[in-house]
Amino acid sequence: MPLFFLHVRDGDGLIRDPEGSRLHDLEAARTQAIESARELMVHSIVGEGRIGIERSMEICDAGGATLLILPFREVIAP
């Protein structure tokens, strides 16, 4: 299984995923990123009093290439 890294972009800063996750494909990585983004927003609300909706998740491959950028605002169910 390929290795994917789910980095969090917060403004100009990048919080790197140091270990990555072995997942079946990019769609599985996207699903994991959605779950992680929702979890991070909950922690942000509780801990900082803000949603953090301006953040995004950058899904990268083992070589460091960005495969997908997932804005947190897209993971909120209508």
PDB file of N, CA and C in Angstrom:
ATOM      1  N   MET A   1       0.843  -1.187   0.000  1.00  0.00           N
ATOM      2  CA  MET A   1       0.000   0.000   0.000  1.00  0.00           C
ATOM      3  C   MET A   1       0.883   1.243   0.000  1.00  0.00           C
ATOM      4  N   PRO A   2       0.460   2.263  -0.730  1.00  0.00           N
ATOM      5  CA  PRO A   2       1.249   3.498  -0.778  1.00  0.00           C
ATOM      6  C   PRO A   2       1.198   4.263   0.546  1.00  0.00           C
ATOM      7  N   LEU A   3       2.211   5.073   0.744  1.00  0.00           N
ATOM      8  CA  LEU A   3       2.326   5.905   1.934  1.00  0.00           C
ATOM      9  C   LEU A   3       1.860   7.314   1.595  1.00  0.00           C
ATOM     10  N   PHE A   4       0.925   7.839   2.395  1.00  0.00           N
ATOM     11  CA  PHE A   4       0.401   9.187   2.221  1.00  0.00           C
ATOM     12  C   PHE A   4       0.674   9.999   3.484  1.00  0.00           C
ATOM     13  N   PHE A   5       0.972  11.273   3.298  1.00  0.00           N
ATOM     14  CA  PHE A   5       1.184  12.191   4.404  1.00  0.00           C
ATOM     15  C   PHE A   5       0.068  13.226   4.386  1.00  0.00           C
ATOM     16  N   LEU A   6      -0.526  13.466   5.549  1.00  0.00           N
ATOM     17  CA  LEU A   6      -1.627  14.422   5.681  1.00  0.00           C
ATOM     18  C   LEU A   6      -1.120  15.619   6.476  1.00  0.00           C
ATOM     19  N   HIS A   7      -0.612  16.610   5.770  1.00  0.00           N
ATOM     20  CA  HIS A   7      -0.087  17.816   6.393  1.00  0.00           C
ATOM     21  C   HIS A   7      -1.215  18.836   6.553  1.00  0.00           C
ATOM     22  N   VAL A   8      -1.149  19.642   7.594  1.00  0.00           N
ATOM     23  CA  VAL A   8      -2.161  20.675   7.833  1.00  0.00           C
ATOM     24  C   VAL A   8      -1.561  22.046   7.543  1.00  0.00           C
ATOM     25  N   ARG A   9      -2.198  22.763   6.651  1.00  0.00           N
ATOM     26  CA  ARG A   9      -1.797  24.136   6.323  1.00  0.00           C
ATOM     27  C   ARG A   9      -2.662  25.074   7.156  1.00  0.00           C
ATOM     28  N   ASP A  10      -2.009  25.934   7.943  1.00  0.00           N
ATOM     29  CA  ASP A  10      -2.701  26.929   8.771  1.00  0.00           C
ATOM     30  C   ASP A  10      -2.053  28.273   8.481  1.00  0.00           C
ATOM     31  N   GLY A  11      -2.667  29.027   7.567  1.00  0.00           N
ATOM     32  CA  GLY A  11      -2.079  30.295   7.142  1.00  0.00           C
ATOM     33  C   GLY A  11      -0.794  30.022   6.391  1.00  0.00           C
ATOM     34  N   ASP A  12       0.285  30.655   6.834  1.00  0.00           N
ATOM     35  CA  ASP A  12       1.587  30.448   6.195  1.00  0.00           C
ATOM     36  C   ASP A  12       2.324  29.234   6.754  1.00  0.00           C
ATOM     37  N   GLY A  13       1.808  28.671   7.847  1.00  0.00           N
ATOM     38  CA  GLY A  13       2.487  27.544   8.487  1.00  0.00           C
ATOM     39  C   GLY A  13       2.016  26.203   7.964  1.00  0.00           C
ATOM     40  N   LEU A  14       2.891  25.219   8.062  1.00  0.00           N
ATOM     41  CA  LEU A  14       2.568  23.850   7.662  1.00  0.00           C
ATOM     42  C   LEU A  14       2.930  22.924   8.810  1.00  0.00           C
ATOM     43  N   ILE A  15       1.943  22.200   9.294  1.00  0.00           N
ATOM     44  CA  ILE A  15       2.158  21.205  10.339  1.00  0.00           C
ATOM     45  C   ILE A  15       2.305  19.872   9.631  1.00  0.00           C
ATOM     46  N   ARG A  16       3.508  19.345   9.646  1.00  0.00           N
ATOM     47  CA  ARG A  16       3.811  18.131   8.881  1.00  0.00           C
ATOM     48  C   ARG A  16       3.407  16.856   9.625  1.00  0.00           C
ATOM     49  N   ASP A  17       2.895  15.938   8.873  1.00  0.00           N
ATOM     50  CA  ASP A  17       2.601  14.591   9.350  1.00  0.00           C
ATOM     51  C   ASP A  17       3.927  13.831   9.298  1.00  0.00           C
ATOM     52  N   PRO A  18       4.542  13.535  10.440  1.00  0.00           N
ATOM     53  CA  PRO A  18       5.884  12.946  10.427  1.00  0.00           C
ATOM     54  C   PRO A  18       5.922  11.468  10.035  1.00  0.00           C
ATOM     55  N   GLU A  19       4.826  10.744  10.224  1.00  0.00           N
ATOM     56  CA  GLU A  19       4.837   9.302  10.001  1.00  0.00           C
ATOM     57  C   GLU A  19       4.133   8.866   8.730  1.00  0.00           C
ATOM     58  N   GLY A  20       3.075   9.576   8.367  1.00  0.00           N
ATOM     59  CA  GLY A  20       2.284   9.161   7.222  1.00  0.00           C
ATOM     60  C   GLY A  20       1.415   7.966   7.555  1.00  0.00           C
ATOM     61  N   SER A  21       0.614   7.569   6.565  1.00  0.00           N
ATOM     62  CA  SER A  21      -0.288   6.427   6.730  1.00  0.00           C
ATOM     63  C   SER A  21      -0.272   5.598   5.458  1.00  0.00           C
ATOM     64  N   ARG A  22      -0.236   4.300   5.618  1.00  0.00           N
ATOM     65  CA  ARG A  22      -0.324   3.399   4.469  1.00  0.00           C
ATOM     66  C   ARG A  22      -1.814   3.175   4.188  1.00  0.00           C
ATOM     67  N   LEU A  23      -2.236   3.614   3.013  1.00  0.00           N
ATOM     68  CA  LEU A  23      -3.644   3.529   2.637  1.00  0.00           C
ATOM     69  C   LEU A  23      -3.741   2.957   1.230  1.00  0.00           C
ATOM     70  N   HIS A  24      -4.913   2.429   0.890  1.00  0.00           N
ATOM     71  CA  HIS A  24      -5.097   1.756  -0.395  1.00  0.00           C
ATOM     72  C   HIS A  24      -4.879   2.669  -1.594  1.00  0.00           C
ATOM     73  N   ASP A  25      -5.435   3.881  -1.508  1.00  0.00           N
ATOM     74  CA  ASP A  25      -5.354   4.779  -2.667  1.00  0.00           C
ATOM     75  C   ASP A  25      -5.641   6.216  -2.224  1.00  0.00           C
ATOM     76  N   LEU A  26      -5.657   7.119  -3.188  1.00  0.00           N
ATOM     77  CA  LEU A  26      -5.875   8.531  -2.883  1.00  0.00           C
ATOM     78  C   LEU A  26      -7.257   8.770  -2.290  1.00  0.00           C
ATOM     79  N   GLU A  27      -8.254   8.030  -2.723  1.00  0.00           N
ATOM     80  CA  GLU A  27      -9.605   8.194  -2.178  1.00  0.00           C
ATOM     81  C   GLU A  27      -9.634   7.808  -0.696  1.00  0.00           C
ATOM     82  N   ALA A  28      -8.915   6.767  -0.320  1.00  0.00           N
ATOM     83  CA  ALA A  28      -8.826   6.383   1.093  1.00  0.00           C
ATOM     84  C   ALA A  28      -8.099   7.460   1.885  1.00  0.00           C
ATOM     85  N   ALA A  29      -7.075   8.063   1.286  1.00  0.00           N
ATOM     86  CA  ALA A  29      -6.358   9.161   1.946  1.00  0.00           C
ATOM     87  C   ALA A  29      -7.279  10.367   2.114  1.00  0.00           C
ATOM     88  N   ARG A  30      -8.101  10.648   1.101  1.00  0.00           N
ATOM     89  CA  ARG A  30      -9.056  11.761   1.188  1.00  0.00           C
ATOM     90  C   ARG A  30     -10.061  11.515   2.309  1.00  0.00           C
ATOM     91  N   THR A  31     -10.562  10.293   2.413  1.00  0.00           N
ATOM     92  CA  THR A  31     -11.504   9.949   3.480  1.00  0.00           C
ATOM     93  C   THR A  31     -10.858  10.144   4.848  1.00  0.00           C
ATOM     94  N   GLN A  32      -9.619   9.700   4.990  1.00  0.00           N
ATOM     95  CA  GLN A  32      -8.891   9.891   6.250  1.00  0.00           C
ATOM     96  C   GLN A  32      -8.685  11.377   6.535  1.00  0.00           C
ATOM     97  N   ALA A  33      -8.372  12.150   5.501  1.00  0.00           N
ATOM     98  CA  ALA A  33      -8.170  13.594   5.671  1.00  0.00           C
ATOM     99  C   ALA A  33      -9.448  14.286   6.132  1.00  0.00           C
ATOM    100  N   ILE A  34     -10.587  13.875   5.594  1.00  0.00           N
ATOM    101  CA  ILE A  34     -11.876  14.447   6.018  1.00  0.00           C
ATOM    102  C   ILE A  34     -12.114  14.167   7.495  1.00  0.00           C
ATOM    103  N   GLU A  35     -11.910  12.924   7.905  1.00  0.00           N
ATOM    104  CA  GLU A  35     -12.097  12.561   9.313  1.00  0.00           C
ATOM    105  C   GLU A  35     -11.142  13.342  10.217  1.00  0.00           C
ATOM    106  N   SER A  36      -9.895  13.453   9.792  1.00  0.00           N
ATOM    107  CA  SER A  36      -8.900  14.174  10.585  1.00  0.00           C
ATOM    108  C   SER A  36      -9.230  15.658  10.679  1.00  0.00           C
ATOM    109  N   ALA A  37      -9.642  16.255   9.579  1.00  0.00           N
ATOM    110  CA  ALA A  37      -9.987  17.680   9.570  1.00  0.00           C
ATOM    111  C   ALA A  37     -11.151  17.954  10.516  1.00  0.00           C
ATOM    112  N   ARG A  38     -12.169  17.107  10.483  1.00  0.00           N
ATOM    113  CA  ARG A  38     -13.318  17.277  11.390  1.00  0.00           C
ATOM    114  C   ARG A  38     -12.886  17.164  12.841  1.00  0.00           C
ATOM    115  N   GLU A  39     -12.034  16.199  13.120  1.00  0.00           N
ATOM    116  CA  GLU A  39     -11.524  16.015  14.485  1.00  0.00           C
ATOM    117  C   GLU A  39     -10.711  17.231  14.934  1.00  0.00           C
ATOM    118  N   LEU A  40      -9.872  17.743  14.054  1.00  0.00           N
ATOM    119  CA  LEU A  40      -9.073  18.925  14.389  1.00  0.00           C
ATOM    120  C   LEU A  40      -9.947  20.144  14.638  1.00  0.00           C
ATOM    121  N   MET A  41     -11.035  20.288  13.884  1.00  0.00           N
ATOM    122  CA  MET A  41     -11.936  21.425  14.104  1.00  0.00           C
ATOM    123  C   MET A  41     -12.616  21.325  15.466  1.00  0.00           C
ATOM    124  N   VAL A  42     -13.010  20.127  15.856  1.00  0.00           N
ATOM    125  CA  VAL A  42     -13.627  19.931  17.176  1.00  0.00           C
ATOM    126  C   VAL A  42     -12.634  20.322  18.272  1.00  0.00           C
ATOM    127  N   HIS A  43     -11.399  19.844  18.167  1.00  0.00           N
ATOM    128  CA  HIS A  43     -10.372  20.177  19.165  1.00  0.00           C
ATOM    129  C   HIS A  43     -10.085  21.681  19.175  1.00  0.00           C
ATOM    130  N   SER A  44     -10.122  22.294  18.018  1.00  0.00           N
ATOM    131  CA  SER A  44      -9.876  23.726  17.925  1.00  0.00           C
ATOM    132  C   SER A  44     -10.992  24.521  18.598  1.00  0.00           C
ATOM    133  N   ILE A  45     -12.223  24.094  18.407  1.00  0.00           N
ATOM    134  CA  ILE A  45     -13.354  24.768  19.044  1.00  0.00           C
ATOM    135  C   ILE A  45     -13.240  24.664  20.561  1.00  0.00           C
ATOM    136  N   VAL A  46     -12.976  23.467  21.043  1.00  0.00           N
ATOM    137  CA  VAL A  46     -12.893  23.237  22.488  1.00  0.00           C
ATOM    138  C   VAL A  46     -11.675  23.937  23.095  1.00  0.00           C
ATOM    139  N   GLY A  47     -10.526  23.810  22.454  1.00  0.00           N
ATOM    140  CA  GLY A  47      -9.287  24.319  23.030  1.00  0.00           C
ATOM    141  C   GLY A  47      -8.994  25.781  22.773  1.00  0.00           C
ATOM    142  N   GLU A  48      -9.400  26.281  21.587  1.00  0.00           N
ATOM    143  CA  GLU A  48      -9.042  27.645  21.204  1.00  0.00           C
ATOM    144  C   GLU A  48     -10.234  28.563  21.009  1.00  0.00           C
ATOM    145  N   GLY A  49     -11.423  27.995  21.013  1.00  0.00           N
ATOM    146  CA  GLY A  49     -12.615  28.806  20.805  1.00  0.00           C
ATOM    147  C   GLY A  49     -12.784  29.277  19.367  1.00  0.00           C
ATOM    148  N   ARG A  50     -12.130  28.579  18.423  1.00  0.00           N
ATOM    149  CA  ARG A  50     -12.281  28.924  17.010  1.00  0.00           C
ATOM    150  C   ARG A  50     -12.439  27.638  16.210  1.00  0.00           C
ATOM    151  N   ILE A  51     -13.071  27.751  15.065  1.00  0.00           N
ATOM    152  CA  ILE A  51     -13.320  26.561  14.250  1.00  0.00           C
ATOM    153  C   ILE A  51     -12.071  26.129  13.495  1.00  0.00           C
ATOM    154  N   GLY A  52     -11.321  27.082  12.987  1.00  0.00           N
ATOM    155  CA  GLY A  52     -10.140  26.756  12.201  1.00  0.00           C
ATOM    156  C   GLY A  52     -10.494  26.407  10.767  1.00  0.00           C
ATOM    157  N   ILE A  53     -11.612  26.933  10.304  1.00  0.00           N
ATOM    158  CA  ILE A  53     -12.116  26.601   8.973  1.00  0.00           C
ATOM    159  C   ILE A  53     -11.218  27.104   7.844  1.00  0.00           C
ATOM    160  N   GLU A  54     -10.323  28.019   8.152  1.00  0.00           N
ATOM    161  CA  GLU A  54      -9.423  28.554   7.121  1.00  0.00           C
ATOM    162  C   GLU A  54      -8.267  27.596   6.819  1.00  0.00           C
ATOM    163  N   ARG A  55      -8.132  26.552   7.579  1.00  0.00           N
ATOM    164  CA  ARG A  55      -7.062  25.569   7.371  1.00  0.00           C
ATOM    165  C   ARG A  55      -7.366  24.668   6.165  1.00  0.00           C
ATOM    166  N   SER A  56      -6.359  23.931   5.770  1.00  0.00           N
ATOM    167  CA  SER A  56      -6.555  22.919   4.731  1.00  0.00           C
ATOM    168  C   SER A  56      -5.633  21.740   5.016  1.00  0.00           C
ATOM    169  N   MET A  57      -5.970  20.609   4.441  1.00  0.00           N
ATOM    170  CA  MET A  57      -5.179  19.398   4.570  1.00  0.00           C
ATOM    171  C   MET A  57      -4.506  19.165   3.220  1.00  0.00           C
ATOM    172  N   GLU A  58      -3.194  18.984   3.245  1.00  0.00           N
ATOM    173  CA  GLU A  58      -2.443  18.700   2.025  1.00  0.00           C
ATOM    174  C   GLU A  58      -2.057  17.222   2.041  1.00  0.00           C
ATOM    175  N   ILE A  59      -2.561  16.497   1.082  1.00  0.00           N
ATOM    176  CA  ILE A  59      -2.247  15.076   0.973  1.00  0.00           C
ATOM    177  C   ILE A  59      -1.073  14.939   0.013  1.00  0.00           C
ATOM    178  N   CYS A  60       0.014  14.354   0.532  1.00  0.00           N
ATOM    179  CA  CYS A  60       1.246  14.212  -0.260  1.00  0.00           C
ATOM    180  C   CYS A  60       1.643  12.743  -0.335  1.00  0.00           C
ATOM    181  N   ASP A  61       2.372  12.403  -1.390  1.00  0.00           N
ATOM    182  CA  ASP A  61       2.896  11.043  -1.516  1.00  0.00           C
ATOM    183  C   ASP A  61       4.246  10.940  -0.811  1.00  0.00           C
ATOM    184  N   ALA A  62       4.834   9.761  -0.850  1.00  0.00           N
ATOM    185  CA  ALA A  62       6.103   9.516  -0.156  1.00  0.00           C
ATOM    186  C   ALA A  62       7.243  10.370  -0.704  1.00  0.00           C
ATOM    187  N   GLY A  63       7.125  10.805  -1.946  1.00  0.00           N
ATOM    188  CA  GLY A  63       8.152  11.652  -2.548  1.00  0.00           C
ATOM    189  C   GLY A  63       7.974  13.129  -2.238  1.00  0.00           C
ATOM    190  N   GLY A  64       6.895  13.478  -1.546  1.00  0.00           N
ATOM    191  CA  GLY A  64       6.648  14.866  -1.165  1.00  0.00           C
ATOM    192  C   GLY A  64       5.770  15.638  -2.130  1.00  0.00           C
ATOM    193  N   ALA A  65       5.316  14.999  -3.203  1.00  0.00           N
ATOM    194  CA  ALA A  65       4.437  15.677  -4.167  1.00  0.00           C
ATOM    195  C   ALA A  65       3.038  15.833  -3.583  1.00  0.00           C
ATOM    196  N   THR A  66       2.474  17.026  -3.716  1.00  0.00           N
ATOM    197  CA  THR A  66       1.116  17.274  -3.253  1.00  0.00           C
ATOM    198  C   THR A  66       0.147  16.679  -4.261  1.00  0.00           C
ATOM    199  N   LEU A  67      -0.710  15.782  -3.779  1.00  0.00           N
ATOM    200  CA  LEU A  67      -1.672  15.098  -4.633  1.00  0.00           C
ATOM    201  C   LEU A  67      -3.047  15.734  -4.567  1.00  0.00           C
ATOM    202  N   LEU A  68      -3.376  16.317  -3.403  1.00  0.00           N
ATOM    203  CA  LEU A  68      -4.709  16.884  -3.195  1.00  0.00           C
ATOM    204  C   LEU A  68      -4.655  17.890  -2.061  1.00  0.00           C
ATOM    205  N   ILE A  69      -5.360  18.986  -2.217  1.00  0.00           N
ATOM    206  CA  ILE A  69      -5.526  19.960  -1.140  1.00  0.00           C
ATOM    207  C   ILE A  69      -7.000  19.967  -0.780  1.00  0.00           C
ATOM    208  N   LEU A  70      -7.291  19.706   0.489  1.00  0.00           N
ATOM    209  CA  LEU A  70      -8.659  19.625   0.974  1.00  0.00           C
ATOM    210  C   LEU A  70      -8.908  20.762   1.956  1.00  0.00           C
ATOM    211  N   PRO A  71      -9.614  21.818   1.530  1.00  0.00           N
ATOM    212  CA  PRO A  71      -9.952  22.895   2.468  1.00  0.00           C
ATOM    213  C   PRO A  71     -10.892  22.379   3.559  1.00  0.00           C
ATOM    214  N   PHE A  72     -10.656  22.796   4.781  1.00  0.00           N
ATOM    215  CA  PHE A  72     -11.511  22.359   5.887  1.00  0.00           C
ATOM    216  C   PHE A  72     -12.964  22.734   5.641  1.00  0.00           C
ATOM    217  N   ARG A  73     -13.218  23.848   4.969  1.00  0.00           N
ATOM    218  CA  ARG A  73     -14.605  24.271   4.745  1.00  0.00           C
ATOM    219  C   ARG A  73     -15.381  23.255   3.915  1.00  0.00           C
ATOM    220  N   GLU A  74     -14.686  22.404   3.166  1.00  0.00           N
ATOM    221  CA  GLU A  74     -15.345  21.388   2.348  1.00  0.00           C
ATOM    222  C   GLU A  74     -15.749  20.145   3.139  1.00  0.00           C
ATOM    223  N   VAL A  75     -15.291  20.019   4.376  1.00  0.00           N
ATOM    224  CA  VAL A  75     -15.600  18.819   5.147  1.00  0.00           C
ATOM    225  C   VAL A  75     -16.790  19.013   6.093  1.00  0.00           C
ATOM    226  N   ILE A  76     -17.383  20.193   6.049  1.00  0.00           N
ATOM    227  CA  ILE A  76     -18.547  20.467   6.875  1.00  0.00           C
ATOM    228  C   ILE A  76     -19.790  20.038   6.110  1.00  0.00           C
ATOM    229  N   ALA A  77     -20.550  19.141   6.688  1.00  0.00           N
ATOM    230  CA  ALA A  77     -21.768  18.644   6.028  1.00  0.00           C
ATOM    231  C   ALA A  77     -22.806  19.763   5.972  1.00  0.00           C
ATOM    232  N   PRO A  78     -23.479  19.893   4.814  1.00  0.00           N
ATOM    233  CA  PRO A  78     -24.512  20.938   4.700  1.00  0.00           C
ATOM    234  C   PRO A  78     -25.735  20.645   5.537  1.00  0.00           C
TER     235      PRO A  78
END
